[in-house]
Amino acid sequence: MLYNDHNPPHFHVIYQDHEAIVDIHTLEVLSGTIPKRAKLLVMEWASDHRAELESNWERARLRKELEKIEPLD
């Protein structure tokens, strides 16, 4: 997640040589690609932490420090 980034609310995924941008609300990949297995793991994690992602999006827009979000178990 980047400070003062553009809408819609989203987060950035970097996996090996792949990059993608994922919509927080719909979990749709807005741009880029990541391998299928990595995408499944990212979607599971994002689904479990959607409220935290939304909160961090608002914090970033206000240029506040982002809260740590736990990794996938």
Protein backbone atom coordinates (compact mmCIF):
# COMPACT_ATOMS: atom_id res chain seq x y z
CA MET A 1 0.00 0.00 0.00
CA LEU A 2 1.35 3.41 -0.91
CA TYR A 3 0.71 6.73 0.79
CA ASN A 4 -1.71 9.05 -1.04
CA ASP A 5 -2.30 6.46 -3.78
CA HIS A 6 -5.12 6.66 -6.33
CA ASN A 7 -8.61 5.18 -5.96
CA PRO A 8 -10.10 2.62 -5.85
CA PRO A 9 -8.72 1.36 -2.52
CA HIS A 10 -6.17 -1.32 -3.36
CA PHE A 11 -2.94 -2.99 -2.34
CA HIS A 12 0.13 -3.99 -4.29
CA VAL A 13 1.33 -7.58 -4.58
CA ILE A 14 4.91 -8.48 -5.48
CA TYR A 15 5.75 -12.14 -5.97
CA GLN A 16 9.07 -13.12 -7.51
CA ASP A 17 9.15 -11.27 -10.87
CA HIS A 18 5.40 -10.59 -10.88
CA GLU A 19 3.43 -7.60 -9.67
CA ALA A 20 -0.28 -6.95 -9.36
CA ILE A 21 -2.69 -4.44 -7.90
CA VAL A 22 -5.72 -5.85 -6.06
CA ASP A 23 -8.95 -4.00 -5.22
CA ILE A 24 -9.57 -4.22 -1.46
CA HIS A 25 -13.37 -4.36 -1.74
CA THR A 26 -13.80 -6.82 -4.60
CA LEU A 27 -10.43 -8.61 -4.45
CA GLU A 28 -10.30 -8.22 -8.23
CA VAL A 29 -6.86 -7.96 -9.81
CA LEU A 30 -6.93 -4.48 -11.33
CA SER A 31 -3.64 -4.75 -13.15
CA GLY A 32 -0.66 -7.04 -13.47
CA THR A 33 -0.48 -10.78 -12.95
CA ILE A 34 0.75 -13.27 -10.38
CA PRO A 35 0.91 -17.06 -10.62
CA LYS A 36 -2.32 -18.92 -9.82
CA ARG A 37 -1.06 -20.51 -6.58
CA ALA A 38 0.26 -17.18 -5.27
CA LYS A 39 -3.01 -15.48 -6.25
CA LEU A 40 -5.04 -18.04 -4.28
CA LEU A 41 -2.90 -17.41 -1.20
CA VAL A 42 -3.11 -13.63 -1.59
CA MET A 43 -6.90 -13.78 -1.97
CA GLU A 44 -7.25 -15.97 1.13
CA TRP A 45 -5.08 -13.58 3.13
CA ALA A 46 -6.87 -10.47 1.83
CA SER A 47 -10.28 -11.96 2.54
CA ASP A 48 -9.25 -12.70 6.13
CA HIS A 49 -7.81 -9.19 6.60
CA ARG A 50 -10.11 -6.99 4.52
CA ALA A 51 -11.10 -4.74 7.45
CA GLU A 52 -7.43 -4.19 8.31
CA LEU A 53 -6.62 -3.41 4.68
CA GLU A 54 -9.47 -0.88 4.55
CA SER A 55 -8.25 0.71 7.77
CA ASN A 56 -4.69 0.94 6.45
CA TRP A 57 -5.98 2.46 3.20
CA GLU A 58 -7.60 5.26 5.23
CA ARG A 59 -4.48 5.66 7.37
CA ALA A 60 -2.34 5.95 4.24
CA ARG A 61 -4.65 8.58 2.77
CA LEU A 62 -4.17 10.59 5.99
CA ARG A 63 -0.40 9.93 5.87
CA LYS A 64 -0.53 8.07 9.18
CA GLU A 65 1.66 5.11 10.03
CA LEU A 66 0.23 1.85 8.72
CA GLU A 67 -0.67 -0.96 11.08
CA LYS A 68 1.09 -4.31 10.66
CA ILE A 69 -1.13 -7.01 9.20
CA GLU A 70 -0.30 -10.59 10.14
CA PRO A 71 0.83 -12.91 7.34
CA LEU A 72 -1.14 -15.93 6.24
CA ASP A 73 -0.79 -18.87 8.66
